[in-house]
């Protein structure tokens, strides 16, 4: 990354240097706090720095994350450690074939004493919802999460109930070849800002994992991981990230990349305008984390694959030839003119 810190006055504070300096100092403090989150998670998780960074970017961009990887690569541990370091409430739902929508969102329960139905909130009423093995539950239950993810509320009996803020769904899934899974419908996939592929750790990282366990580390206890930010600071950081400047050239670049995916011979369904707005939000968050006052093409390129890999629908013949969405996106970046 070639980003340097720039102090950038907001529209409202131009001509008022005190406000600008305060804003820059506040921004720097918030950014430091966010980087401390990564350090805390490292106490529990080894060799998954990219996954943790992806979660942080998604949180700043007010998005949700799909974590894909085989069992045993610490997907659940990463999310639990992340929530602990943020000091946020977290709940876990194990998605199973018999899970009902109300088991996630909550349901109306009859109270015999009052003779009325009361709403009993489901586990979705939390800051970070860990939806474990989301592809093991039927589409109807997956869809129950849709409104919560998109509208940040749950409707029951004609009443809408707001979810806590911040709110992030971190869903895990095993690669689709595993038995007993339902592939996520397009509409559901599109609600995830990012799909992060959680791979096997490098040899050294794997040795470190064993060393920690040999020394008594308990994944259940999350030994040593402490909360280093507050919900208020997270909301302030989200606002700062959303305020990062974007030039018309960079906006045009995002659109050109999206159009290039639609023209690719391997692609049946390319990146939609919603995919473009997601990429922009992630690029702003990444720019902010890197202390850059404006989004550069470099920021866009860094975020492109995780934000778009799950939104492309490849042609059946391309899939049979082993073409991946990641490969298509890499070639799209290589072939699209970068603004100076």
C-alpha atoms as a PDB file:
ATOM      1  CA  UNK A   1       0.000   0.000   0.000  1.00  0.00           C
ATOM      2  CA  UNK A   2       1.314   3.418  -0.898  1.00  0.00           C
ATOM      3  CA  UNK A   3      -1.098   5.401   1.253  1.00  0.00           C
ATOM      4  CA  UNK A   4       0.034   8.360   3.273  1.00  0.00           C
ATOM      5  CA  UNK A   5      -1.952  10.134   5.958  1.00  0.00           C
ATOM      6  CA  UNK A   6      -3.614  13.306   4.682  1.00  0.00           C
ATOM      7  CA  UNK A   7      -5.575  15.633   6.901  1.00  0.00           C
ATOM      8  CA  UNK A   8      -8.756  16.277   5.015  1.00  0.00           C
ATOM      9  CA  UNK A   9     -11.253  18.900   6.203  1.00  0.00           C
ATOM     10  CA  UNK A  10     -14.895  17.920   6.046  1.00  0.00           C
ATOM     11  CA  UNK A  11     -17.282  20.105   4.033  1.00  0.00           C
ATOM     12  CA  UNK A  12     -18.794  21.575   7.190  1.00  0.00           C
ATOM     13  CA  UNK A  13     -15.504  22.389   8.853  1.00  0.00           C
ATOM     14  CA  UNK A  14     -13.642  24.224   6.082  1.00  0.00           C
ATOM     15  CA  UNK A  15     -12.250  27.472   7.353  1.00  0.00           C
ATOM     16  CA  UNK A  16     -12.364  26.230  10.935  1.00  0.00           C
ATOM     17  CA  UNK A  17      -8.909  24.750  11.526  1.00  0.00           C
ATOM     18  CA  UNK A  18      -9.631  23.738  15.130  1.00  0.00           C
ATOM     19  CA  UNK A  19     -12.419  21.417  13.996  1.00  0.00           C
ATOM     20  CA  UNK A  20     -10.256  20.004  11.216  1.00  0.00           C
ATOM     21  CA  UNK A  21      -7.372  19.203  13.575  1.00  0.00           C
ATOM     22  CA  UNK A  22      -9.747  17.632  16.086  1.00  0.00           C
ATOM     23  CA  UNK A  23     -11.368  15.597  13.370  1.00  0.00           C
ATOM     24  CA  UNK A  24      -7.991  14.384  12.097  1.00  0.00           C
ATOM     25  CA  UNK A  25      -6.841  13.545  15.629  1.00  0.00           C
ATOM     26  CA  UNK A  26     -10.111  11.736  16.353  1.00  0.00           C
ATOM     27  CA  UNK A  27      -9.755   9.823  13.100  1.00  0.00           C
ATOM     28  CA  UNK A  28      -6.206   8.797  13.949  1.00  0.00           C
ATOM     29  CA  UNK A  29      -7.310   7.601  17.411  1.00  0.00           C
ATOM     30  CA  UNK A  30     -10.217   5.632  15.936  1.00  0.00           C
ATOM     31  CA  UNK A  31      -7.926   4.085  13.334  1.00  0.00           C
ATOM     32  CA  UNK A  32      -5.442   3.056  16.035  1.00  0.00           C
ATOM     33  CA  UNK A  33      -8.276   1.460  17.997  1.00  0.00           C
ATOM     34  CA  UNK A  34      -9.321  -0.542  14.921  1.00  0.00           C
ATOM     35  CA  UNK A  35      -5.755  -1.727  14.365  1.00  0.00           C
ATOM     36  CA  UNK A  36      -5.635  -2.803  18.041  1.00  0.00           C
ATOM     37  CA  UNK A  37      -8.627  -5.063  17.312  1.00  0.00           C
ATOM     38  CA  UNK A  38      -6.432  -7.015  14.881  1.00  0.00           C
ATOM     39  CA  UNK A  39      -3.695  -7.329  17.525  1.00  0.00           C
ATOM     40  CA  UNK A  40      -6.190  -8.686  20.077  1.00  0.00           C
ATOM     41  CA  UNK A  41      -7.617 -11.271  17.667  1.00  0.00           C
ATOM     42  CA  UNK A  42      -4.038 -12.419  16.933  1.00  0.00           C
ATOM     43  CA  UNK A  43      -3.827 -13.562  20.565  1.00  0.00           C
ATOM     44  CA  UNK A  44      -6.396 -16.262  19.804  1.00  0.00           C
ATOM     45  CA  UNK A  45      -6.029 -16.906  16.077  1.00  0.00           C
ATOM     46  CA  UNK A  46      -2.857 -17.650  14.108  1.00  0.00           C
ATOM     47  CA  UNK A  47      -2.375 -17.262  10.368  1.00  0.00           C
ATOM     48  CA  UNK A  48      -5.746 -15.716   9.455  1.00  0.00           C
ATOM     49  CA  UNK A  49      -4.751 -12.037   9.213  1.00  0.00           C
ATOM     50  CA  UNK A  50      -6.541 -11.613   5.855  1.00  0.00           C
ATOM     51  CA  UNK A  51      -9.807 -12.944   7.292  1.00  0.00           C
ATOM     52  CA  UNK A  52      -9.618 -10.595  10.291  1.00  0.00           C
ATOM     53  CA  UNK A  53      -8.867  -7.609   8.031  1.00  0.00           C
ATOM     54  CA  UNK A  54     -11.840  -8.559   5.826  1.00  0.00           C
ATOM     55  CA  UNK A  55     -14.155  -8.653   8.861  1.00  0.00           C
ATOM     56  CA  UNK A  56     -12.872  -5.243   9.961  1.00  0.00           C
ATOM     57  CA  UNK A  57     -13.444  -3.710   6.506  1.00  0.00           C
ATOM     58  CA  UNK A  58     -16.964  -5.201   6.385  1.00  0.00           C
ATOM     59  CA  UNK A  59     -17.778  -3.809   9.825  1.00  0.00           C
ATOM     60  CA  UNK A  60     -16.577  -0.319   8.814  1.00  0.00           C
ATOM     61  CA  UNK A  61     -18.572  -0.545   5.574  1.00  0.00           C
ATOM     62  CA  UNK A  62     -21.682  -1.748   7.477  1.00  0.00           C
ATOM     63  CA  UNK A  63     -21.690  -5.021   5.511  1.00  0.00           C
ATOM     64  CA  UNK A  64     -21.936  -8.743   6.213  1.00  0.00           C
ATOM     65  CA  UNK A  65     -19.412 -11.511   5.602  1.00  0.00           C
ATOM     66  CA  UNK A  66     -19.586 -15.063   4.279  1.00  0.00           C
ATOM     67  CA  UNK A  67     -16.641 -17.191   5.431  1.00  0.00           C
ATOM     68  CA  UNK A  68     -16.013 -20.278   3.335  1.00  0.00           C
ATOM     69  CA  UNK A  69     -13.618 -23.041   4.285  1.00  0.00           C
ATOM     70  CA  UNK A  70     -13.413 -26.697   5.235  1.00  0.00           C
ATOM     71  CA  UNK A  71     -14.173 -27.649   8.859  1.00  0.00           C
ATOM     72  CA  UNK A  72     -11.394 -27.004  11.366  1.00  0.00           C
ATOM     73  CA  UNK A  73      -9.730 -23.874   9.935  1.00  0.00           C
ATOM     74  CA  UNK A  74     -10.885 -21.626  12.841  1.00  0.00           C
ATOM     75  CA  UNK A  75     -13.768 -19.817  11.089  1.00  0.00           C
ATOM     76  CA  UNK A  76     -15.866 -19.779  14.266  1.00  0.00           C
ATOM     77  CA  UNK A  77     -12.892 -18.892  16.474  1.00  0.00           C
ATOM     78  CA  UNK A  78     -12.033 -15.886  14.274  1.00  0.00           C
ATOM     79  CA  UNK A  79     -15.567 -14.466  14.588  1.00  0.00           C
ATOM     80  CA  UNK A  80     -15.808 -15.070  18.350  1.00  0.00           C
ATOM     81  CA  UNK A  81     -12.386 -13.465  18.962  1.00  0.00           C
ATOM     82  CA  UNK A  82     -13.327 -10.547  16.694  1.00  0.00           C
ATOM     83  CA  UNK A  83     -16.544  -9.910  18.656  1.00  0.00           C
ATOM     84  CA  UNK A  84     -14.651 -10.155  21.962  1.00  0.00           C
ATOM     85  CA  UNK A  85     -12.014  -7.620  20.820  1.00  0.00           C
ATOM     86  CA  UNK A  86     -14.802  -5.242  19.732  1.00  0.00           C
ATOM     87  CA  UNK A  87     -16.573  -5.618  23.075  1.00  0.00           C
ATOM     88  CA  UNK A  88     -19.807  -6.458  21.254  1.00  0.00           C
ATOM     89  CA  UNK A  89     -22.545  -8.961  22.055  1.00  0.00           C
ATOM     90  CA  UNK A  90     -22.434 -12.019  19.872  1.00  0.00           C
ATOM     91  CA  UNK A  91     -24.775 -14.967  19.426  1.00  0.00           C
ATOM     92  CA  UNK A  92     -24.243 -18.157  17.490  1.00  0.00           C
ATOM     93  CA  UNK A  93     -26.875 -20.103  15.558  1.00  0.00           C
ATOM     94  CA  UNK A  94     -26.028 -23.582  14.326  1.00  0.00           C
ATOM     95  CA  UNK A  95     -27.928 -23.881  11.040  1.00  0.00           C
ATOM     96  CA  UNK A  96     -29.468 -27.344  10.599  1.00  0.00           C
ATOM     97  CA  UNK A  97     -31.975 -28.867   8.138  1.00  0.00           C
ATOM     98  CA  UNK A  98     -34.824 -28.565  10.680  1.00  0.00           C
ATOM     99  CA  UNK A  99     -34.130 -24.954  11.779  1.00  0.00           C
ATOM    100  CA  UNK A 100     -37.229 -22.745  11.398  1.00  0.00           C
ATOM    101  CA  UNK A 101     -37.230 -19.018  10.454  1.00  0.00           C
ATOM    102  CA  UNK A 102     -38.597 -18.100  13.909  1.00  0.00           C
ATOM    103  CA  UNK A 103     -35.629 -19.866  15.513  1.00  0.00           C
ATOM    104  CA  UNK A 104     -33.459 -17.125  14.023  1.00  0.00           C
ATOM    105  CA  UNK A 105     -35.603 -13.979  14.075  1.00  0.00           C
ATOM    106  CA  UNK A 106     -37.877 -14.685  17.034  1.00  0.00           C
ATOM    107  CA  UNK A 107     -41.568 -15.476  17.240  1.00  0.00           C
ATOM    108  CA  UNK A 108     -44.871 -14.604  18.888  1.00  0.00           C
ATOM    109  CA  UNK A 109     -45.496 -16.607  22.046  1.00  0.00           C
ATOM    110  CA  UNK A 110     -48.886 -16.877  23.762  1.00  0.00           C
ATOM    111  CA  UNK A 111     -48.889 -15.616  27.343  1.00  0.00           C
ATOM    112  CA  UNK A 112     -51.636 -17.455  29.255  1.00  0.00           C
ATOM    113  CA  UNK A 113     -51.646 -14.895  32.090  1.00  0.00           C
ATOM    114  CA  UNK A 114     -52.374 -11.857  29.888  1.00  0.00           C
ATOM    115  CA  UNK A 115     -54.183 -13.785  27.149  1.00  0.00           C
ATOM    116  CA  UNK A 116     -51.985 -11.983  24.584  1.00  0.00           C
ATOM    117  CA  UNK A 117     -49.156 -12.860  22.216  1.00  0.00           C
ATOM    118  CA  UNK A 118     -45.732 -11.492  23.143  1.00  0.00           C
ATOM    119  CA  UNK A 119     -42.755 -11.260  20.826  1.00  0.00           C
ATOM    120  CA  UNK A 120     -39.813 -13.334  21.990  1.00  0.00           C
ATOM    121  CA  UNK A 121     -36.669 -12.008  20.298  1.00  0.00           C
ATOM    122  CA  UNK A 122     -34.515 -14.550  18.450  1.00  0.00           C
ATOM    123  CA  UNK A 123     -30.704 -14.725  18.438  1.00  0.00           C
ATOM    124  CA  UNK A 124     -30.559 -12.254  15.524  1.00  0.00           C
ATOM    125  CA  UNK A 125     -31.036  -9.490  18.111  1.00  0.00           C
ATOM    126  CA  UNK A 126     -27.316  -9.104  18.794  1.00  0.00           C
ATOM    127  CA  UNK A 127     -24.386  -7.069  17.430  1.00  0.00           C
ATOM    128  CA  UNK A 128     -22.560  -9.916  15.711  1.00  0.00           C
ATOM    129  CA  UNK A 129     -24.547 -12.958  14.628  1.00  0.00           C
ATOM    130  CA  UNK A 130     -22.463 -16.016  13.870  1.00  0.00           C
ATOM    131  CA  UNK A 131     -24.542 -18.057  11.423  1.00  0.00           C
ATOM    132  CA  UNK A 132     -22.677 -21.351  11.492  1.00  0.00           C
ATOM    133  CA  UNK A 133     -22.905 -23.607   8.413  1.00  0.00           C
ATOM    134  CA  UNK A 134     -25.607 -21.447   6.843  1.00  0.00           C
ATOM    135  CA  UNK A 135     -25.760 -23.718   3.794  1.00  0.00           C
ATOM    136  CA  UNK A 136     -27.048 -26.659   5.881  1.00  0.00           C
ATOM    137  CA  UNK A 137     -30.486 -25.074   6.341  1.00  0.00           C
ATOM    138  CA  UNK A 138     -33.278 -24.891   3.712  1.00  0.00           C
ATOM    139  CA  UNK A 139     -33.768 -21.692   1.654  1.00  0.00           C
ATOM    140  CA  UNK A 140     -36.853 -20.633   3.655  1.00  0.00           C
ATOM    141  CA  UNK A 141     -34.805 -20.253   6.840  1.00  0.00           C
ATOM    142  CA  UNK A 142     -31.913 -18.645   4.961  1.00  0.00           C
ATOM    143  CA  UNK A 143     -34.425 -16.107   3.636  1.00  0.00           C
ATOM    144  CA  UNK A 144     -35.475 -15.217   7.194  1.00  0.00           C
ATOM    145  CA  UNK A 145     -32.064 -13.600   7.555  1.00  0.00           C
ATOM    146  CA  UNK A 146     -32.578 -11.495   4.411  1.00  0.00           C
ATOM    147  CA  UNK A 147     -34.721  -8.760   5.931  1.00  0.00           C
ATOM    148  CA  UNK A 148     -32.520  -8.614   9.010  1.00  0.00           C
ATOM    149  CA  UNK A 149     -29.370  -8.216   6.879  1.00  0.00           C
ATOM    150  CA  UNK A 150     -30.839  -5.726   4.432  1.00  0.00           C
ATOM    151  CA  UNK A 151     -33.232  -3.653   6.561  1.00  0.00           C
ATOM    152  CA  UNK A 152     -31.525  -4.203   9.938  1.00  0.00           C
ATOM    153  CA  UNK A 153     -34.904  -4.979  11.450  1.00  0.00           C
ATOM    154  CA  UNK A 154     -37.275  -7.888  12.057  1.00  0.00           C
ATOM    155  CA  UNK A 155     -41.001  -7.672  11.285  1.00  0.00           C
ATOM    156  CA  UNK A 156     -43.512  -9.816  13.156  1.00  0.00           C
ATOM    157  CA  UNK A 157     -47.254  -9.333  13.551  1.00  0.00           C
ATOM    158  CA  UNK A 158     -47.091  -6.051  11.610  1.00  0.00           C
ATOM    159  CA  UNK A 159     -44.495  -4.538  13.957  1.00  0.00           C
ATOM    160  CA  UNK A 160     -40.913  -3.782  12.879  1.00  0.00           C
ATOM    161  CA  UNK A 161     -38.248  -4.117  15.534  1.00  0.00           C
ATOM    162  CA  UNK A 162     -34.838  -2.529  14.952  1.00  0.00           C
ATOM    163  CA  UNK A 163     -31.708  -4.619  15.434  1.00  0.00           C
ATOM    164  CA  UNK A 164     -28.782  -3.349  17.540  1.00  0.00           C
ATOM    165  CA  UNK A 165     -26.266  -1.000  15.920  1.00  0.00           C
ATOM    166  CA  UNK A 166     -23.619  -1.981  14.877  1.00  0.00           C
ATOM    167  CA  UNK A 167     -24.977  -5.224  13.396  1.00  0.00           C
ATOM    168  CA  UNK A 168     -22.982  -7.733  11.365  1.00  0.00           C
ATOM    169  CA  UNK A 169     -23.821 -11.238  10.170  1.00  0.00           C
ATOM    170  CA  UNK A 170     -20.775 -13.486   9.846  1.00  0.00           C
ATOM    171  CA  UNK A 171     -21.959 -16.692   8.184  1.00  0.00           C
ATOM    172  CA  UNK A 172     -19.780 -19.738   7.685  1.00  0.00           C
ATOM    173  CA  UNK A 173     -20.204 -22.388   5.036  1.00  0.00           C
ATOM    174  CA  UNK A 174     -18.322 -25.446   3.927  1.00  0.00           C
ATOM    175  CA  UNK A 175     -17.459 -25.685   0.230  1.00  0.00           C
ATOM    176  CA  UNK A 176     -20.476 -26.928  -1.700  1.00  0.00           C
ATOM    177  CA  UNK A 177     -19.071 -30.404  -2.490  1.00  0.00           C
ATOM    178  CA  UNK A 178     -19.786 -31.505   1.068  1.00  0.00           C
ATOM    179  CA  UNK A 179     -22.917 -33.618   1.486  1.00  0.00           C
ATOM    180  CA  UNK A 180     -26.169 -32.290   2.929  1.00  0.00           C
ATOM    181  CA  UNK A 181     -25.773 -28.661   1.877  1.00  0.00           C
ATOM    182  CA  UNK A 182     -28.106 -26.252   0.059  1.00  0.00           C
ATOM    183  CA  UNK A 183     -26.430 -23.670  -2.153  1.00  0.00           C
ATOM    184  CA  UNK A 184     -27.350 -20.140  -1.095  1.00  0.00           C
ATOM    185  CA  UNK A 185     -29.872 -18.427  -3.411  1.00  0.00           C
ATOM    186  CA  UNK A 186     -28.557 -15.483  -5.487  1.00  0.00           C
ATOM    187  CA  UNK A 187     -30.608 -12.962  -3.497  1.00  0.00           C
ATOM    188  CA  UNK A 188     -29.076 -14.203  -0.253  1.00  0.00           C
ATOM    189  CA  UNK A 189     -25.519 -14.223  -1.591  1.00  0.00           C
ATOM    190  CA  UNK A 190     -25.952 -10.663  -2.826  1.00  0.00           C
ATOM    191  CA  UNK A 191     -26.660  -9.479   0.738  1.00  0.00           C
ATOM    192  CA  UNK A 192     -23.126 -10.396   1.809  1.00  0.00           C
ATOM    193  CA  UNK A 193     -20.663  -7.583   1.231  1.00  0.00           C
ATOM    194  CA  UNK A 194     -17.770 -10.033   1.091  1.00  0.00           C
ATOM    195  CA  UNK A 195     -16.999 -13.690   0.690  1.00  0.00           C
ATOM    196  CA  UNK A 196     -13.726 -14.566   2.401  1.00  0.00           C
ATOM    197  CA  UNK A 197     -12.074 -17.889   1.638  1.00  0.00           C
ATOM    198  CA  UNK A 198     -10.484 -19.244   4.810  1.00  0.00           C
ATOM    199  CA  UNK A 199      -7.624 -21.483   3.759  1.00  0.00           C
ATOM    200  CA  UNK A 200      -5.302 -23.867   5.552  1.00  0.00           C
ATOM    201  CA  UNK A 201      -2.613 -22.094   7.595  1.00  0.00           C
ATOM    202  CA  UNK A 202       1.040 -22.064   6.491  1.00  0.00           C
ATOM    203  CA  UNK A 203       3.328 -24.613   8.169  1.00  0.00           C
ATOM    204  CA  UNK A 204       4.794 -22.118  10.674  1.00  0.00           C
ATOM    205  CA  UNK A 205       1.318 -20.878  11.625  1.00  0.00           C
ATOM    206  CA  UNK A 206       0.130 -24.449  12.119  1.00  0.00           C
ATOM    207  CA  UNK A 207       3.096 -25.151  14.424  1.00  0.00           C
ATOM    208  CA  UNK A 208       2.173 -21.988  16.404  1.00  0.00           C
ATOM    209  CA  UNK A 209      -1.410 -23.233  16.759  1.00  0.00           C
ATOM    210  CA  UNK A 210      -0.175 -26.529  18.222  1.00  0.00           C
ATOM    211  CA  UNK A 211       2.298 -24.692  20.467  1.00  0.00           C
ATOM    212  CA  UNK A 212      -0.518 -22.555  21.911  1.00  0.00           C
ATOM    213  CA  UNK A 213      -2.706 -25.590  22.544  1.00  0.00           C
ATOM    214  CA  UNK A 214       0.218 -27.414  24.150  1.00  0.00           C
ATOM    215  CA  UNK A 215       0.624 -24.423  26.489  1.00  0.00           C
ATOM    216  CA  UNK A 216      -3.011 -24.567  27.555  1.00  0.00           C
ATOM    217  CA  UNK A 217      -4.801 -22.125  25.203  1.00  0.00           C
ATOM    218  CA  UNK A 218      -8.553 -22.741  25.332  1.00  0.00           C
ATOM    219  CA  UNK A 219     -10.618 -21.726  22.271  1.00  0.00           C
ATOM    220  CA  UNK A 220     -13.716 -21.663  24.488  1.00  0.00           C
ATOM    221  CA  UNK A 221     -12.178 -19.226  26.987  1.00  0.00           C
ATOM    222  CA  UNK A 222     -10.494 -16.973  24.372  1.00  0.00           C
ATOM    223  CA  UNK A 223      -7.650 -16.528  26.850  1.00  0.00           C
ATOM    224  CA  UNK A 224      -6.145 -13.034  26.810  1.00  0.00           C
ATOM    225  CA  UNK A 225      -8.465 -11.427  24.220  1.00  0.00           C
ATOM    226  CA  UNK A 226      -9.775  -8.118  25.590  1.00  0.00           C
ATOM    227  CA  UNK A 227     -12.272  -5.530  24.348  1.00  0.00           C
ATOM    228  CA  UNK A 228     -10.363  -2.535  22.935  1.00  0.00           C
ATOM    229  CA  UNK A 229     -13.139  -0.420  21.354  1.00  0.00           C
ATOM    230  CA  UNK A 230     -16.698   0.599  22.198  1.00  0.00           C
ATOM    231  CA  UNK A 231     -19.864   0.435  20.076  1.00  0.00           C
ATOM    232  CA  UNK A 232     -19.809   4.250  20.000  1.00  0.00           C
ATOM    233  CA  UNK A 233     -16.273   4.291  18.571  1.00  0.00           C
ATOM    234  CA  UNK A 234     -17.261   1.716  15.950  1.00  0.00           C
ATOM    235  CA  UNK A 235     -20.204   3.889  14.830  1.00  0.00           C
ATOM    236  CA  UNK A 236     -17.881   6.930  14.654  1.00  0.00           C
ATOM    237  CA  UNK A 237     -15.350   4.944  12.588  1.00  0.00           C
ATOM    238  CA  UNK A 238     -18.143   3.814  10.231  1.00  0.00           C
ATOM    239  CA  UNK A 239     -19.120   7.458   9.683  1.00  0.00           C
ATOM    240  CA  UNK A 240     -15.513   8.487   9.034  1.00  0.00           C
ATOM    241  CA  UNK A 241     -15.028   5.648   6.548  1.00  0.00           C
ATOM    242  CA  UNK A 242     -18.235   6.592   4.705  1.00  0.00           C
ATOM    243  CA  UNK A 243     -16.979  10.189   4.417  1.00  0.00           C
ATOM    244  CA  UNK A 244     -13.773   9.290   2.527  1.00  0.00           C
ATOM    245  CA  UNK A 245     -13.665  11.188  -0.773  1.00  0.00           C
ATOM    246  CA  UNK A 246     -14.141   9.528  -4.161  1.00  0.00           C
ATOM    247  CA  UNK A 247     -13.363  11.261  -7.455  1.00  0.00           C
ATOM    248  CA  UNK A 248     -15.484  10.874 -10.591  1.00  0.00           C
ATOM    249  CA  UNK A 249     -12.538   9.058 -12.210  1.00  0.00           C
ATOM    250  CA  UNK A 250     -12.596   6.361  -9.535  1.00  0.00           C
ATOM    251  CA  UNK A 251     -16.402   6.058  -9.738  1.00  0.00           C
ATOM    252  CA  UNK A 252     -16.036   5.603 -13.498  1.00  0.00           C
ATOM    253  CA  UNK A 253     -13.369   2.957 -12.907  1.00  0.00           C
ATOM    254  CA  UNK A 254     -15.721   0.931 -10.651  1.00  0.00           C
ATOM    255  CA  UNK A 255     -18.444   1.104 -13.324  1.00  0.00           C
ATOM    256  CA  UNK A 256     -15.985   0.072 -16.061  1.00  0.00           C
ATOM    257  CA  UNK A 257     -14.928  -2.961 -13.987  1.00  0.00           C
ATOM    258  CA  UNK A 258     -18.572  -3.961 -13.451  1.00  0.00           C
ATOM    259  CA  UNK A 259     -19.352  -3.616 -17.157  1.00  0.00           C
ATOM    260  CA  UNK A 260     -16.271  -5.688 -18.015  1.00  0.00           C
ATOM    261  CA  UNK A 261     -17.571  -8.578 -15.878  1.00  0.00           C
ATOM    262  CA  UNK A 262     -20.858  -8.491 -17.806  1.00  0.00           C
ATOM    263  CA  UNK A 263     -18.983  -8.703 -21.116  1.00  0.00           C
ATOM    264  CA  UNK A 264     -16.696 -11.561 -20.067  1.00  0.00           C
ATOM    265  CA  UNK A 265     -17.266 -14.678 -22.223  1.00  0.00           C
ATOM    266  CA  UNK A 266     -17.089 -16.874 -19.080  1.00  0.00           C
ATOM    267  CA  UNK A 267     -19.819 -14.979 -17.224  1.00  0.00           C
ATOM    268  CA  UNK A 268     -23.571 -15.509 -17.434  1.00  0.00           C
ATOM    269  CA  UNK A 269     -24.483 -12.824 -14.876  1.00  0.00           C
ATOM    270  CA  UNK A 270     -21.961 -10.073 -14.098  1.00  0.00           C
ATOM    271  CA  UNK A 271     -21.625  -7.546 -11.276  1.00  0.00           C
ATOM    272  CA  UNK A 272     -24.828  -5.557 -10.632  1.00  0.00           C
ATOM    273  CA  UNK A 273     -25.090  -1.890  -9.573  1.00  0.00           C
ATOM    274  CA  UNK A 274     -25.526  -3.175  -5.996  1.00  0.00           C
ATOM    275  CA  UNK A 275     -22.210  -5.016  -6.372  1.00  0.00           C
ATOM    276  CA  UNK A 276     -20.639  -1.694  -7.437  1.00  0.00           C
ATOM    277  CA  UNK A 277     -21.991   0.184  -4.402  1.00  0.00           C
ATOM    278  CA  UNK A 278     -20.654  -2.631  -2.197  1.00  0.00           C
ATOM    279  CA  UNK A 279     -17.215  -2.372  -3.781  1.00  0.00           C
ATOM    280  CA  UNK A 280     -17.216   1.390  -3.280  1.00  0.00           C
ATOM    281  CA  UNK A 281     -18.149   1.067   0.423  1.00  0.00           C
ATOM    282  CA  UNK A 282     -15.414  -1.533   0.989  1.00  0.00           C
ATOM    283  CA  UNK A 283     -12.811   0.551  -0.892  1.00  0.00           C
ATOM    284  CA  UNK A 284     -13.692   3.589   1.264  1.00  0.00           C
ATOM    285  CA  UNK A 285     -13.302   1.530   4.449  1.00  0.00           C
ATOM    286  CA  UNK A 286      -9.963   0.141   3.231  1.00  0.00           C
ATOM    287  CA  UNK A 287      -8.757   3.648   2.288  1.00  0.00           C
ATOM    288  CA  UNK A 288      -9.761   4.942   5.730  1.00  0.00           C
ATOM    289  CA  UNK A 289      -7.945   2.068   7.505  1.00  0.00           C
ATOM    290  CA  UNK A 290      -4.842   2.997   5.501  1.00  0.00           C
ATOM    291  CA  UNK A 291      -5.107   6.676   6.492  1.00  0.00           C
ATOM    292  CA  UNK A 292      -5.862   7.802   2.942  1.00  0.00           C
ATOM    293  CA  UNK A 293      -8.138  10.805   2.441  1.00  0.00           C
ATOM    294  CA  UNK A 294      -9.467   9.583  -0.921  1.00  0.00           C
ATOM    295  CA  UNK A 295     -10.162   6.257  -2.627  1.00  0.00           C
ATOM    296  CA  UNK A 296      -7.544   5.264  -5.201  1.00  0.00           C
ATOM    297  CA  UNK A 297      -7.785   2.618  -7.966  1.00  0.00           C
ATOM    298  CA  UNK A 298      -5.388   0.584  -5.785  1.00  0.00           C
ATOM    299  CA  UNK A 299      -7.986   0.435  -2.981  1.00  0.00           C
ATOM    300  CA  UNK A 300     -10.653  -0.653  -5.476  1.00  0.00           C
ATOM    301  CA  UNK A 301      -8.429  -3.423  -6.870  1.00  0.00           C
ATOM    302  CA  UNK A 302      -7.599  -4.740  -3.370  1.00  0.00           C
ATOM    303  CA  UNK A 303     -11.278  -5.113  -2.487  1.00  0.00           C
ATOM    304  CA  UNK A 304     -12.535  -6.326  -5.878  1.00  0.00           C
ATOM    305  CA  UNK A 305     -12.156 -10.111  -5.506  1.00  0.00           C
ATOM    306  CA  UNK A 306     -13.590 -10.527  -1.964  1.00  0.00           C
ATOM    307  CA  UNK A 307     -16.525  -8.206  -2.723  1.00  0.00           C
ATOM    308  CA  UNK A 308     -17.432  -9.621  -6.161  1.00  0.00           C
ATOM    309  CA  UNK A 309     -16.344 -13.296  -6.204  1.00  0.00           C
ATOM    310  CA  UNK A 310     -19.711 -14.562  -4.914  1.00  0.00           C
ATOM    311  CA  UNK A 311     -21.817 -12.294  -7.138  1.00  0.00           C
ATOM    312  CA  UNK A 312     -20.704 -13.573 -10.546  1.00  0.00           C
ATOM    313  CA  UNK A 313     -22.639 -16.378 -12.145  1.00  0.00           C
ATOM    314  CA  UNK A 314     -20.350 -18.310 -14.464  1.00  0.00           C
ATOM    315  CA  UNK A 315     -21.504 -20.070 -17.615  1.00  0.00           C
ATOM    316  CA  UNK A 316     -21.830 -23.869 -17.175  1.00  0.00           C
ATOM    317  CA  UNK A 317     -19.177 -24.536 -19.843  1.00  0.00           C
ATOM    318  CA  UNK A 318     -16.716 -22.188 -18.091  1.00  0.00           C
ATOM    319  CA  UNK A 319     -17.365 -23.977 -14.785  1.00  0.00           C
ATOM    320  CA  UNK A 320     -16.748 -27.351 -16.439  1.00  0.00           C
ATOM    321  CA  UNK A 321     -13.434 -26.034 -17.749  1.00  0.00           C
ATOM    322  CA  UNK A 322     -12.505 -25.135 -14.168  1.00  0.00           C
ATOM    323  CA  UNK A 323     -12.698 -21.345 -14.609  1.00  0.00           C
ATOM    324  CA  UNK A 324     -13.168 -19.600 -11.232  1.00  0.00           C
ATOM    325  CA  UNK A 325     -14.788 -16.242 -10.428  1.00  0.00           C
ATOM    326  CA  UNK A 326     -11.457 -15.150  -8.899  1.00  0.00           C
ATOM    327  CA  UNK A 327      -9.655 -15.839 -12.193  1.00  0.00           C
ATOM    328  CA  UNK A 328     -12.290 -13.911 -14.186  1.00  0.00           C
ATOM    329  CA  UNK A 329     -11.993 -10.916 -11.841  1.00  0.00           C
ATOM    330  CA  UNK A 330      -8.194 -10.961 -12.004  1.00  0.00           C
ATOM    331  CA  UNK A 331      -8.301 -10.805 -15.803  1.00  0.00           C
ATOM    332  CA  UNK A 332     -10.963  -8.064 -15.699  1.00  0.00           C
ATOM    333  CA  UNK A 333      -8.604  -5.933 -13.573  1.00  0.00           C
ATOM    334  CA  UNK A 334      -5.730  -6.569 -16.000  1.00  0.00           C
ATOM    335  CA  UNK A 335      -7.827  -5.556 -19.013  1.00  0.00           C
ATOM    336  CA  UNK A 336      -9.594  -2.480 -17.622  1.00  0.00           C
ATOM    337  CA  UNK A 337      -7.949   0.914 -18.087  1.00  0.00           C
ATOM    338  CA  UNK A 338      -6.875   2.421 -14.767  1.00  0.00           C
ATOM    339  CA  UNK A 339      -7.480   6.188 -14.324  1.00  0.00           C
ATOM    340  CA  UNK A 340      -4.287   8.142 -13.677  1.00  0.00           C
END
